[in-house]
Amino acid sequence: VMGIANPGGKSFIPAALIGNLGAIIGSIVSTRVMLLFTAKLYGKERPC
């Protein structure tokens, strides 16, 4: 997406970097919600 040509002449690099920040926030939410499910099933002390 950084390499996509913008007809307006502006760079999409800032947009791509902001998108990465959004993905990081999404990853935290996804992982934390999943851990809520798995902690109920396995408990938090059982070794892998």
ModelCIF file with pLDDT and N, C-alpha, C, O atoms, coordinates in Angstrom:
data_MODEL
#
_entry.id   MODEL 
#
_entity.id                         1 
_entity.type                       polymer 
_entity.pdbx_number_of_molecules   1 
#
_entity_poly.entity_id                      1 
_entity_poly.type                           'polypeptide(L)' 
_entity_poly.nstd_linkage                   no 
_entity_poly.nstd_monomer                   no 
_entity_poly.pdbx_seq_one_letter_code       VMGIANPGGKSFIPAALIGNLGAIIGSIVSTRVMLLFTAKLYGKERPC 
_entity_poly.pdbx_seq_one_letter_code_can   VMGIANPGGKSFIPAALIGNLGAIIGSIVSTRVMLLFTAKLYGKERPC 
_entity_poly.pdbx_strand_id                 A 
#
loop_
_entity_poly_seq.entity_id 
_entity_poly_seq.num 
_entity_poly_seq.mon_id 
_entity_poly_seq.hetero 
1 1  VAL n 
1 2  MET n 
1 3  GLY n 
1 4  ILE n 
1 5  ALA n 
1 6  ASN n 
1 7  PRO n 
1 8  GLY n 
1 9  GLY n 
1 10 LYS n 
1 11 SER n 
1 12 PHE n 
1 13 ILE n 
1 14 PRO n 
1 15 ALA n 
1 16 ALA n 
1 17 LEU n 
1 18 ILE n 
1 19 GLY n 
1 20 ASN n 
1 21 LEU n 
1 22 GLY n 
1 23 ALA n 
1 24 ILE n 
1 25 ILE n 
1 26 GLY n 
1 27 SER n 
1 28 ILE n 
1 29 VAL n 
1 30 SER n 
1 31 THR n 
1 32 ARG n 
1 33 VAL n 
1 34 MET n 
1 35 LEU n 
1 36 LEU n 
1 37 PHE n 
1 38 THR n 
1 39 ALA n 
1 40 LYS n 
1 41 LEU n 
1 42 TYR n 
1 43 GLY n 
1 44 LYS n 
1 45 GLU n 
1 46 ARG n 
1 47 PRO n 
1 48 CYS n 
#
_struct_asym.id          A 
_struct_asym.entity_id   1 
#
loop_
_ma_qa_metric.id 
_ma_qa_metric.mode 
_ma_qa_metric.name 
_ma_qa_metric.software_group_id 
_ma_qa_metric.type 
1 global pLDDT . pLDDT 
2 local  pLDDT . pLDDT 
#
_ma_qa_metric_global.metric_id      1 
_ma_qa_metric_global.metric_value   90.98 
_ma_qa_metric_global.model_id       1 
_ma_qa_metric_global.ordinal_id     1 
#
loop_
_ma_qa_metric_local.label_asym_id 
_ma_qa_metric_local.label_comp_id 
_ma_qa_metric_local.label_seq_id 
_ma_qa_metric_local.metric_id 
_ma_qa_metric_local.metric_value 
_ma_qa_metric_local.model_id 
_ma_qa_metric_local.ordinal_id 
A VAL 1  2 87.00 1 1  
A MET 2  2 88.00 1 2  
A GLY 3  2 85.00 1 3  
A ILE 4  2 86.00 1 4  
A ALA 5  2 83.00 1 5  
A ASN 6  2 84.00 1 6  
A PRO 7  2 84.00 1 7  
A GLY 8  2 78.00 1 8  
A GLY 9  2 78.00 1 9  
A LYS 10 2 83.00 1 10 
A SER 11 2 87.00 1 11 
A PHE 12 2 92.00 1 12 
A ILE 13 2 93.00 1 13 
A PRO 14 2 94.00 1 14 
A ALA 15 2 95.00 1 15 
A ALA 16 2 94.00 1 16 
A LEU 17 2 96.00 1 17 
A ILE 18 2 96.00 1 18 
A GLY 19 2 96.00 1 19 
A ASN 20 2 96.00 1 20 
A LEU 21 2 97.00 1 21 
A GLY 22 2 96.00 1 22 
A ALA 23 2 96.00 1 23 
A ILE 24 2 95.00 1 24 
A ILE 25 2 96.00 1 25 
A GLY 26 2 96.00 1 26 
A SER 27 2 96.00 1 27 
A ILE 28 2 96.00 1 28 
A VAL 29 2 96.00 1 29 
A SER 30 2 96.00 1 30 
A THR 31 2 95.00 1 31 
A ARG 32 2 96.00 1 32 
A VAL 33 2 96.00 1 33 
A MET 34 2 96.00 1 34 
A LEU 35 2 96.00 1 35 
A LEU 36 2 95.00 1 36 
A PHE 37 2 94.00 1 37 
A THR 38 2 94.00 1 38 
A ALA 39 2 93.00 1 39 
A LYS 40 2 92.00 1 40 
A LEU 41 2 89.00 1 41 
A TYR 42 2 90.00 1 42 
A GLY 43 2 89.00 1 43 
A LYS 44 2 88.00 1 44 
A GLU 45 2 84.00 1 45 
A ARG 46 2 85.00 1 46 
A PRO 47 2 81.00 1 47 
A CYS 48 2 79.00 1 48 
#
loop_
_atom_site.group_PDB 
_atom_site.id 
_atom_site.type_symbol 
_atom_site.label_atom_id 
_atom_site.label_alt_id 
_atom_site.label_comp_id 
_atom_site.label_asym_id 
_atom_site.label_entity_id 
_atom_site.label_seq_id 
_atom_site.pdbx_PDB_ins_code 
_atom_site.Cartn_x 
_atom_site.Cartn_y 
_atom_site.Cartn_z 
_atom_site.occupancy 
_atom_site.B_iso_or_equiv 
_atom_site.pdbx_formal_charge 
_atom_site.auth_seq_id 
_atom_site.auth_comp_id 
_atom_site.auth_asym_id 
_atom_site.auth_atom_id 
_atom_site.pdbx_PDB_model_num 
ATOM 1   N N  . VAL A 1 1  ? 0.829   -1.210  0.000  1.00 87.00 ? 1  VAL A N  1 
ATOM 2   C CA . VAL A 1 1  ? 0.000   0.000   0.000  1.00 87.00 ? 1  VAL A CA 1 
ATOM 3   C C  . VAL A 1 1  ? 0.861   1.257   0.000  1.00 87.00 ? 1  VAL A C  1 
ATOM 4   O O  . VAL A 1 1  ? 0.442   2.291   -0.520 1.00 87.00 ? 1  VAL A O  1 
ATOM 5   N N  . MET A 1 2  ? 2.066   1.181   0.580  1.00 88.00 ? 2  MET A N  1 
ATOM 6   C CA . MET A 1 2  ? 2.965   2.344   0.529  1.00 88.00 ? 2  MET A CA 1 
ATOM 7   C C  . MET A 1 2  ? 3.375   2.674   -0.903 1.00 88.00 ? 2  MET A C  1 
ATOM 8   O O  . MET A 1 2  ? 3.624   3.834   -1.233 1.00 88.00 ? 2  MET A O  1 
ATOM 9   N N  . GLY A 1 3  ? 3.443   1.652   -1.749 1.00 85.00 ? 3  GLY A N  1 
ATOM 10  C CA . GLY A 1 3  ? 3.890   1.846   -3.123 1.00 85.00 ? 3  GLY A CA 1 
ATOM 11  C C  . GLY A 1 3  ? 2.796   2.211   -4.104 1.00 85.00 ? 3  GLY A C  1 
ATOM 12  O O  . GLY A 1 3  ? 3.077   2.441   -5.280 1.00 85.00 ? 3  GLY A O  1 
ATOM 13  N N  . ILE A 1 4  ? 1.552   2.271   -3.648 1.00 86.00 ? 4  ILE A N  1 
ATOM 14  C CA . ILE A 1 4  ? 0.446   2.612   -4.546 1.00 86.00 ? 4  ILE A CA 1 
ATOM 15  C C  . ILE A 1 4  ? 0.543   4.091   -4.953 1.00 86.00 ? 4  ILE A C  1 
ATOM 16  O O  . ILE A 1 4  ? 0.735   4.967   -4.109 1.00 86.00 ? 4  ILE A O  1 
ATOM 17  N N  . ALA A 1 5  ? 0.409   4.346   -6.240 1.00 83.00 ? 5  ALA A N  1 
ATOM 18  C CA . ALA A 1 5  ? 0.475   5.722   -6.742 1.00 83.00 ? 5  ALA A CA 1 
ATOM 19  C C  . ALA A 1 5  ? -0.797  6.476   -6.380 1.00 83.00 ? 5  ALA A C  1 
ATOM 20  O O  . ALA A 1 5  ? -1.906  6.007   -6.637 1.00 83.00 ? 5  ALA A O  1 
ATOM 21  N N  . ASN A 1 6  ? -0.624  7.640   -5.786 1.00 84.00 ? 6  ASN A N  1 
ATOM 22  C CA . ASN A 1 6  ? -1.755  8.475   -5.384 1.00 84.00 ? 6  ASN A CA 1 
ATOM 23  C C  . ASN A 1 6  ? -1.965  9.564   -6.433 1.00 84.00 ? 6  ASN A C  1 
ATOM 24  O O  . ASN A 1 6  ? -1.070  10.379  -6.656 1.00 84.00 ? 6  ASN A O  1 
ATOM 25  N N  . PRO A 1 7  ? -3.144  9.591   -7.086 1.00 84.00 ? 7  PRO A N  1 
ATOM 26  C CA . PRO A 1 7  ? -3.400  10.624  -8.110 1.00 84.00 ? 7  PRO A CA 1 
ATOM 27  C C  . PRO A 1 7  ? -3.237  12.041  -7.569 1.00 84.00 ? 7  PRO A C  1 
ATOM 28  O O  . PRO A 1 7  ? -2.926  12.966  -8.319 1.00 84.00 ? 7  PRO A O  1 
ATOM 29  N N  . GLY A 1 8  ? -3.450  12.208  -6.252 1.00 78.00 ? 8  GLY A N  1 
ATOM 30  C CA . GLY A 1 8  ? -3.320  13.527  -5.655 1.00 78.00 ? 8  GLY A CA 1 
ATOM 31  C C  . GLY A 1 8  ? -1.881  13.922  -5.386 1.00 78.00 ? 8  GLY A C  1 
ATOM 32  O O  . GLY A 1 8  ? -1.616  15.053  -4.979 1.00 78.00 ? 8  GLY A O  1 
ATOM 33  N N  . GLY A 1 9  ? -0.944  13.005  -5.608 1.00 78.00 ? 9  GLY A N  1 
ATOM 34  C CA . GLY A 1 9  ? 0.469   13.293  -5.416 1.00 78.00 ? 9  GLY A CA 1 
ATOM 35  C C  . GLY A 1 9  ? 0.977   13.077  -4.007 1.00 78.00 ? 9  GLY A C  1 
ATOM 36  O O  . GLY A 1 9  ? 2.186   13.131  -3.778 1.00 78.00 ? 9  GLY A O  1 
ATOM 37  N N  . LYS A 1 10 ? 0.086   12.834  -3.051 1.00 83.00 ? 10 LYS A N  1 
ATOM 38  C CA . LYS A 1 10 ? 0.504   12.607  -1.670 1.00 83.00 ? 10 LYS A CA 1 
ATOM 39  C C  . LYS A 1 10 ? 0.924   11.160  -1.464 1.00 83.00 ? 10 LYS A C  1 
ATOM 40  O O  . LYS A 1 10 ? 0.503   10.261  -2.192 1.00 83.00 ? 10 LYS A O  1 
ATOM 41  N N  . SER A 1 11 ? 1.766   10.957  -0.449 1.00 87.00 ? 11 SER A N  1 
ATOM 42  C CA . SER A 1 11 ? 2.246   9.619   -0.133 1.00 87.00 ? 11 SER A CA 1 
ATOM 43  C C  . SER A 1 11 ? 1.245   8.898   0.769  1.00 87.00 ? 11 SER A C  1 
ATOM 44  O O  . SER A 1 11 ? 0.601   9.512   1.620  1.00 87.00 ? 11 SER A O  1 
ATOM 45  N N  . PHE A 1 12 ? 1.129   7.589   0.569  1.00 92.00 ? 12 PHE A N  1 
ATOM 46  C CA . PHE A 1 12 ? 0.285   6.764   1.427  1.00 92.00 ? 12 PHE A CA 1 
ATOM 47  C C  . PHE A 1 12 ? 1.078   6.162   2.591  1.00 92.00 ? 12 PHE A C  1 
ATOM 48  O O  . PHE A 1 12 ? 0.546   5.344   3.342  1.00 92.00 ? 12 PHE A O  1 
ATOM 49  N N  . ILE A 1 13 ? 2.344   6.561   2.745  1.00 93.00 ? 13 ILE A N  1 
ATOM 50  C CA . ILE A 1 13 ? 3.165   6.003   3.821  1.00 93.00 ? 13 ILE A CA 1 
ATOM 51  C C  . ILE A 1 13 ? 2.580   6.305   5.205  1.00 93.00 ? 13 ILE A C  1 
ATOM 52  O O  . ILE A 1 13 ? 2.491   5.390   6.024  1.00 93.00 ? 13 ILE A O  1 
ATOM 53  N N  . PRO A 1 14 ? 2.174   7.561   5.505  1.00 94.00 ? 14 PRO A N  1 
ATOM 54  C CA . PRO A 1 14 ? 1.568   7.817   6.823  1.00 94.00 ? 14 PRO A CA 1 
ATOM 55  C C  . PRO A 1 14 ? 0.319   6.975   7.061  1.00 94.00 ? 14 PRO A C  1 
ATOM 56  O O  . PRO A 1 14 ? 0.108   6.464   8.161  1.00 94.00 ? 14 PRO A O  1 
ATOM 57  N N  . ALA A 1 15 ? -0.508  6.834   6.023  1.00 95.00 ? 15 ALA A N  1 
ATOM 58  C CA . ALA A 1 15 ? -1.728  6.036   6.155  1.00 95.00 ? 15 ALA A CA 1 
ATOM 59  C C  . ALA A 1 15 ? -1.392  4.577   6.469  1.00 95.00 ? 15 ALA A C  1 
ATOM 60  O O  . ALA A 1 15 ? -2.048  3.948   7.299  1.00 95.00 ? 15 ALA A O  1 
ATOM 61  N N  . ALA A 1 16 ? -0.365  4.044   5.799  1.00 94.00 ? 16 ALA A N  1 
ATOM 62  C CA . ALA A 1 16 ? 0.038   2.656   6.033  1.00 94.00 ? 16 ALA A CA 1 
ATOM 63  C C  . ALA A 1 16 ? 0.549   2.462   7.457  1.00 94.00 ? 16 ALA A C  1 
ATOM 64  O O  . ALA A 1 16 ? 0.248   1.453   8.095  1.00 94.00 ? 16 ALA A O  1 
ATOM 65  N N  . LEU A 1 17 ? 1.318   3.421   7.955  1.00 96.00 ? 17 LEU A N  1 
ATOM 66  C CA . LEU A 1 17 ? 1.855   3.323   9.323  1.00 96.00 ? 17 LEU A CA 1 
ATOM 67  C C  . LEU A 1 17 ? 0.730   3.416   10.355 1.00 96.00 ? 17 LEU A C  1 
ATOM 68  O O  . LEU A 1 17 ? 0.740   2.704   11.359 1.00 96.00 ? 17 LEU A O  1 
ATOM 69  N N  . ILE A 1 18 ? -0.237  4.295   10.102 1.00 96.00 ? 18 ILE A N  1 
ATOM 70  C CA . ILE A 1 18 ? -1.397  4.390   10.990 1.00 96.00 ? 18 ILE A CA 1 
ATOM 71  C C  . ILE A 1 18 ? -2.181  3.085   10.958 1.00 96.00 ? 18 ILE A C  1 
ATOM 72  O O  . ILE A 1 18 ? -2.696  2.636   11.981 1.00 96.00 ? 18 ILE A O  1 
ATOM 73  N N  . GLY A 1 19 ? -2.267  2.482   9.779  1.00 96.00 ? 19 GLY A N  1 
ATOM 74  C CA . GLY A 1 19 ? -2.925  1.184   9.657  1.00 96.00 ? 19 GLY A CA 1 
ATOM 75  C C  . GLY A 1 19 ? -2.242  0.122   10.501 1.00 96.00 ? 19 GLY A C  1 
ATOM 76  O O  . GLY A 1 19 ? -2.909  -0.736  11.080 1.00 96.00 ? 19 GLY A O  1 
ATOM 77  N N  . ASN A 1 20 ? -0.920  0.172   10.576 1.00 96.00 ? 20 ASN A N  1 
ATOM 78  C CA . ASN A 1 20 ? -0.181  -0.760  11.428 1.00 96.00 ? 20 ASN A CA 1 
ATOM 79  C C  . ASN A 1 20 ? -0.539  -0.564  12.901 1.00 96.00 ? 20 ASN A C  1 
ATOM 80  O O  . ASN A 1 20 ? -0.693  -1.533  13.643 1.00 96.00 ? 20 ASN A O  1 
ATOM 81  N N  . LEU A 1 21 ? -0.669  0.696   13.317 1.00 97.00 ? 21 LEU A N  1 
ATOM 82  C CA . LEU A 1 21 ? -1.081  0.960   14.699 1.00 97.00 ? 21 LEU A CA 1 
ATOM 83  C C  . LEU A 1 21 ? -2.472  0.392   14.973 1.00 97.00 ? 21 LEU A C  1 
ATOM 84  O O  . LEU A 1 21 ? -2.727  -0.178  16.034 1.00 97.00 ? 21 LEU A O  1 
ATOM 85  N N  . GLY A 1 22 ? -3.365  0.559   13.997 1.00 96.00 ? 22 GLY A N  1 
ATOM 86  C CA . GLY A 1 22 ? -4.708  -0.004  14.142 1.00 96.00 ? 22 GLY A CA 1 
ATOM 87  C C  . GLY A 1 22 ? -4.666  -1.515  14.268 1.00 96.00 ? 22 GLY A C  1 
ATOM 88  O O  . GLY A 1 22 ? -5.393  -2.094  15.075 1.00 96.00 ? 22 GLY A O  1 
ATOM 89  N N  . ALA A 1 23 ? -3.809  -2.168  13.462 1.00 96.00 ? 23 ALA A N  1 
ATOM 90  C CA . ALA A 1 23 ? -3.686  -3.624  13.525 1.00 96.00 ? 23 ALA A CA 1 
ATOM 91  C C  . ALA A 1 23 ? -3.152  -4.078  14.875 1.00 96.00 ? 23 ALA A C  1 
ATOM 92  O O  . ALA A 1 23 ? -3.582  -5.108  15.393 1.00 96.00 ? 23 ALA A O  1 
ATOM 93  N N  . ILE A 1 24 ? -2.223  -3.327  15.450 1.00 95.00 ? 24 ILE A N  1 
ATOM 94  C CA . ILE A 1 24 ? -1.687  -3.675  16.770 1.00 95.00 ? 24 ILE A CA 1 
ATOM 95  C C  . ILE A 1 24 ? -2.792  -3.616  17.823 1.00 95.00 ? 24 ILE A C  1 
ATOM 96  O O  . ILE A 1 24 ? -2.900  -4.501  18.672 1.00 95.00 ? 24 ILE A O  1 
ATOM 97  N N  . ILE A 1 25 ? -3.615  -2.560  17.760 1.00 96.00 ? 25 ILE A N  1 
ATOM 98  C CA . ILE A 1 25 ? -4.738  -2.446  18.694 1.00 96.00 ? 25 ILE A CA 1 
ATOM 99  C C  . ILE A 1 25 ? -5.702  -3.617  18.508 1.00 96.00 ? 25 ILE A C  1 
ATOM 100 O O  . ILE A 1 25 ? -6.184  -4.195  19.482 1.00 96.00 ? 25 ILE A O  1 
ATOM 101 N N  . GLY A 1 26 ? -5.977  -3.960  17.252 1.00 96.00 ? 26 GLY A N  1 
ATOM 102 C CA . GLY A 1 26 ? -6.846  -5.101  16.971 1.00 96.00 ? 26 GLY A CA 1 
ATOM 103 C C  . GLY A 1 26 ? -6.266  -6.413  17.484 1.00 96.00 ? 26 GLY A C  1 
ATOM 104 O O  . GLY A 1 26 ? -7.000  -7.278  17.962 1.00 96.00 ? 26 GLY A O  1 
ATOM 105 N N  . SER A 1 27 ? -4.941  -6.557  17.382 1.00 96.00 ? 27 SER A N  1 
ATOM 106 C CA . SER A 1 27 ? -4.295  -7.793  17.847 1.00 96.00 ? 27 SER A CA 1 
ATOM 107 C C  . SER A 1 27 ? -4.415  -7.953  19.354 1.00 96.00 ? 27 SER A C  1 
ATOM 108 O O  . SER A 1 27 ? -4.578  -9.064  19.859 1.00 96.00 ? 27 SER A O  1 
ATOM 109 N N  . ILE A 1 28 ? -4.332  -6.831  20.071 1.00 96.00 ? 28 ILE A N  1 
ATOM 110 C CA . ILE A 1 28 ? -4.466  -6.877  21.536 1.00 96.00 ? 28 ILE A CA 1 
ATOM 111 C C  . ILE A 1 28 ? -5.873  -7.326  21.914 1.00 96.00 ? 28 ILE A C  1 
ATOM 112 O O  . ILE A 1 28 ? -6.049  -8.192  22.771 1.00 96.00 ? 28 ILE A O  1 
ATOM 113 N N  . VAL A 1 29 ? -6.872  -6.731  21.266 1.00 96.00 ? 29 VAL A N  1 
ATOM 114 C CA . VAL A 1 29 ? -8.261  -7.085  21.555 1.00 96.00 ? 29 VAL A CA 1 
ATOM 115 C C  . VAL A 1 29 ? -8.525  -8.549  21.224 1.00 96.00 ? 29 VAL A C  1 
ATOM 116 O O  . VAL A 1 29 ? -9.100  -9.275  22.035 1.00 96.00 ? 29 VAL A O  1 
ATOM 117 N N  . SER A 1 30 ? -8.108  -8.988  20.037 1.00 96.00 ? 30 SER A N  1 
ATOM 118 C CA . SER A 1 30 ? -8.332  -10.372 19.610 1.00 96.00 ? 30 SER A CA 1 
ATOM 119 C C  . SER A 1 30 ? -7.698  -11.362 20.575 1.00 96.00 ? 30 SER A C  1 
ATOM 120 O O  . SER A 1 30 ? -8.331  -12.342 20.970 1.00 96.00 ? 30 SER A O  1 
ATOM 121 N N  . THR A 1 31 ? -6.448  -11.107 20.956 1.00 95.00 ? 31 THR A N  1 
ATOM 122 C CA . THR A 1 31 ? -5.727  -12.022 21.838 1.00 95.00 ? 31 THR A CA 1 
ATOM 123 C C  . THR A 1 31 ? -6.335  -12.048 23.231 1.00 95.00 ? 31 THR A C  1 
ATOM 124 O O  . THR A 1 31 ? -6.509  -13.118 23.815 1.00 95.00 ? 31 THR A O  1 
ATOM 125 N N  . ARG A 1 32 ? -6.657  -10.883 23.762 1.00 96.00 ? 32 ARG A N  1 
ATOM 126 C CA . ARG A 1 32 ? -7.230  -10.814 25.100 1.00 96.00 ? 32 ARG A CA 1 
ATOM 127 C C  . ARG A 1 32 ? -8.600  -11.491 25.179 1.00 96.00 ? 32 ARG A C  1 
ATOM 128 O O  . ARG A 1 32 ? -8.897  -12.171 26.161 1.00 96.00 ? 32 ARG A O  1 
ATOM 129 N N  . VAL A 1 33 ? -9.437  -11.309 24.149 1.00 96.00 ? 33 VAL A N  1 
ATOM 130 C CA . VAL A 1 33 ? -10.749 -11.965 24.133 1.00 96.00 ? 33 VAL A CA 1 
ATOM 131 C C  . VAL A 1 33 ? -10.574 -13.478 24.076 1.00 96.00 ? 33 VAL A C  1 
ATOM 132 O O  . VAL A 1 33 ? -11.280 -14.215 24.764 1.00 96.00 ? 33 VAL A O  1 
ATOM 133 N N  . MET A 1 34 ? -9.634  -13.939 23.256 1.00 96.00 ? 34 MET A N  1 
ATOM 134 C CA . MET A 1 34 ? -9.375  -15.376 23.163 1.00 96.00 ? 34 MET A CA 1 
ATOM 135 C C  . MET A 1 34 ? -8.905  -15.941 24.500 1.00 96.00 ? 34 MET A C  1 
ATOM 136 O O  . MET A 1 34 ? -9.306  -17.040 24.884 1.00 96.00 ? 34 MET A O  1 
ATOM 137 N N  . LEU A 1 35 ? -8.067  -15.205 25.205 1.00 96.00 ? 35 LEU A N  1 
ATOM 138 C CA . LEU A 1 35 ? -7.572  -15.667 26.505 1.00 96.00 ? 35 LEU A CA 1 
ATOM 139 C C  . LEU A 1 35 ? -8.690  -15.770 27.537 1.00 96.00 ? 35 LEU A C  1 
ATOM 140 O O  . LEU A 1 35 ? -8.624  -16.605 28.439 1.00 96.00 ? 35 LEU A O  1 
ATOM 141 N N  . LEU A 1 36 ? -9.706  -14.937 27.414 1.00 95.00 ? 36 LEU A N  1 
ATOM 142 C CA . LEU A 1 36 ? -10.859 -15.050 28.312 1.00 95.00 ? 36 LEU A CA 1 
ATOM 143 C C  . LEU A 1 36 ? -11.546 -16.400 28.128 1.00 95.00 ? 36 LEU A C  1 
ATOM 144 O O  . LEU A 1 36 ? -11.943 -17.046 29.097 1.00 95.00 ? 36 LEU A O  1 
ATOM 145 N N  . PHE A 1 37 ? -11.679 -16.815 26.866 1.00 94.00 ? 37 PHE A N  1 
ATOM 146 C CA . PHE A 1 37 ? -12.298 -18.115 26.577 1.00 94.00 ? 37 PHE A CA 1 
ATOM 147 C C  . PHE A 1 37 ? -11.445 -19.266 27.095 1.00 94.00 ? 37 PHE A C  1 
ATOM 148 O O  . PHE A 1 37 ? -11.945 -20.169 27.766 1.00 94.00 ? 37 PHE A O  1 
ATOM 149 N N  . THR A 1 38 ? -10.148 -19.225 26.775 1.00 94.00 ? 38 THR A N  1 
ATOM 150 C CA . THR A 1 38 ? -9.277  -20.361 27.104 1.00 94.00 ? 38 THR A CA 1 
ATOM 151 C C  . THR A 1 38 ? -9.003  -20.464 28.603 1.00 94.00 ? 38 THR A C  1 
ATOM 152 O O  . THR A 1 38 ? -8.844  -21.568 29.123 1.00 94.00 ? 38 THR A O  1 
ATOM 153 N N  . ALA A 1 39 ? -8.946  -19.330 29.302 1.00 93.00 ? 39 ALA A N  1 
ATOM 154 C CA . ALA A 1 39 ? -8.714  -19.368 30.748 1.00 93.00 ? 39 ALA A CA 1 
ATOM 155 C C  . ALA A 1 39 ? -9.871  -20.065 31.465 1.00 93.00 ? 39 ALA A C  1 
ATOM 156 O O  . ALA A 1 39 ? -9.662  -20.791 32.436 1.00 93.00 ? 39 ALA A O  1 
ATOM 157 N N  . LYS A 1 40 ? -11.094 -19.836 30.975 1.00 92.00 ? 40 LYS A N  1 
ATOM 158 C CA . LYS A 1 40 ? -12.253 -20.512 31.566 1.00 92.00 ? 40 LYS A CA 1 
ATOM 159 C C  . LYS A 1 40 ? -12.183 -22.019 31.345 1.00 92.00 ? 40 LYS A C  1 
ATOM 160 O O  . LYS A 1 40 ? -12.611 -22.804 32.192 1.00 92.00 ? 40 LYS A O  1 
ATOM 161 N N  . LEU A 1 41 ? -11.642 -22.408 30.209 1.00 89.00 ? 41 LEU A N  1 
ATOM 162 C CA . LEU A 1 41 ? -11.594 -23.831 29.865 1.00 89.00 ? 41 LEU A CA 1 
ATOM 163 C C  . LEU A 1 41 ? -10.462 -24.567 30.567 1.00 89.00 ? 41 LEU A C  1 
ATOM 164 O O  . LEU A 1 41 ? -10.669 -25.655 31.104 1.00 89.00 ? 41 LEU A O  1 
ATOM 165 N N  . TYR A 1 42 ? -9.269  -23.984 30.566 1.00 90.00 ? 42 TYR A N  1 
ATOM 166 C CA . TYR A 1 42 ? -8.084  -24.679 31.075 1.00 90.00 ? 42 TYR A CA 1 
ATOM 167 C C  . TYR A 1 42 ? -7.624  -24.202 32.454 1.00 90.00 ? 42 TYR A C  1 
ATOM 168 O O  . TYR A 1 42 ? -6.863  -24.901 33.123 1.00 90.00 ? 42 TYR A O  1 
ATOM 169 N N  . GLY A 1 43 ? -8.077  -23.022 32.887 1.00 89.00 ? 43 GLY A N  1 
ATOM 170 C CA . GLY A 1 43 ? -7.485  -22.430 34.076 1.00 89.00 ? 43 GLY A CA 1 
ATOM 171 C C  . GLY A 1 43 ? -6.167  -21.756 33.704 1.00 89.00 ? 43 GLY A C  1 
ATOM 172 O O  . GLY A 1 43 ? -5.690  -21.913 32.580 1.00 89.00 ? 43 GLY A O  1 
ATOM 173 N N  . LYS A 1 44 ? -5.575  -21.012 34.630 1.00 88.00 ? 44 LYS A N  1 
ATOM 174 C CA . LYS A 1 44 ? -4.379  -20.245 34.305 1.00 88.00 ? 44 LYS A CA 1 
ATOM 175 C C  . LYS A 1 44 ? -3.075  -20.867 34.793 1.00 88.00 ? 44 LYS A C  1 
ATOM 176 O O  . LYS A 1 44 ? -2.003  -20.304 34.572 1.00 88.00 ? 44 LYS A O  1 
ATOM 177 N N  . GLU A 1 45 ? -3.152  -22.010 35.447 1.00 84.00 ? 45 GLU A N  1 
ATOM 178 C CA . GLU A 1 45 ? -1.937  -22.589 36.008 1.00 84.00 ? 45 GLU A CA 1 
ATOM 179 C C  . GLU A 1 45 ? -1.478  -23.857 35.296 1.00 84.00 ? 45 GLU A C  1 
ATOM 180 O O  . GLU A 1 45 ? -0.342  -24.290 35.488 1.00 84.00 ? 45 GLU A O  1 
ATOM 181 N N  . ARG A 1 46 ? -2.321  -24.449 34.497 1.00 85.00 ? 46 ARG A N  1 
ATOM 182 C CA . ARG A 1 46 ? -1.978  -25.712 33.841 1.00 85.00 ? 46 ARG A CA 1 
ATOM 183 C C  . ARG A 1 46 ? -0.860  -25.497 32.821 1.00 85.00 ? 46 ARG A C  1 
ATOM 184 O O  . ARG A 1 46 ? -0.990  -24.645 31.942 1.00 85.00 ? 46 ARG A O  1 
ATOM 185 N N  . PRO A 1 47 ? 0.227   -26.247 32.921 1.00 81.00 ? 47 PRO A N  1 
ATOM 186 C CA . PRO A 1 47 ? 1.345   -26.048 31.981 1.00 81.00 ? 47 PRO A CA 1 
ATOM 187 C C  . PRO A 1 47 ? 0.999   -26.521 30.574 1.00 81.00 ? 47 PRO A C  1 
ATOM 188 O O  . PRO A 1 47 ? 0.162   -27.406 30.392 1.00 81.00 ? 47 PRO A O  1 
ATOM 189 N N  . CYS A 1 48 ? 1.650   -25.924 29.589 1.00 79.00 ? 48 CYS A N  1 
ATOM 190 C CA . CYS A 1 48 ? 1.400   -26.317 28.199 1.00 79.00 ? 48 CYS A CA 1 
ATOM 191 C C  . CYS A 1 48 ? 1.897   -27.722 27.926 1.00 79.00 ? 48 CYS A C  1 
ATOM 192 O O  . CYS A 1 48 ? 1.769   -28.216 26.806 1.00 79.00 ? 48 CYS A O  1 
#
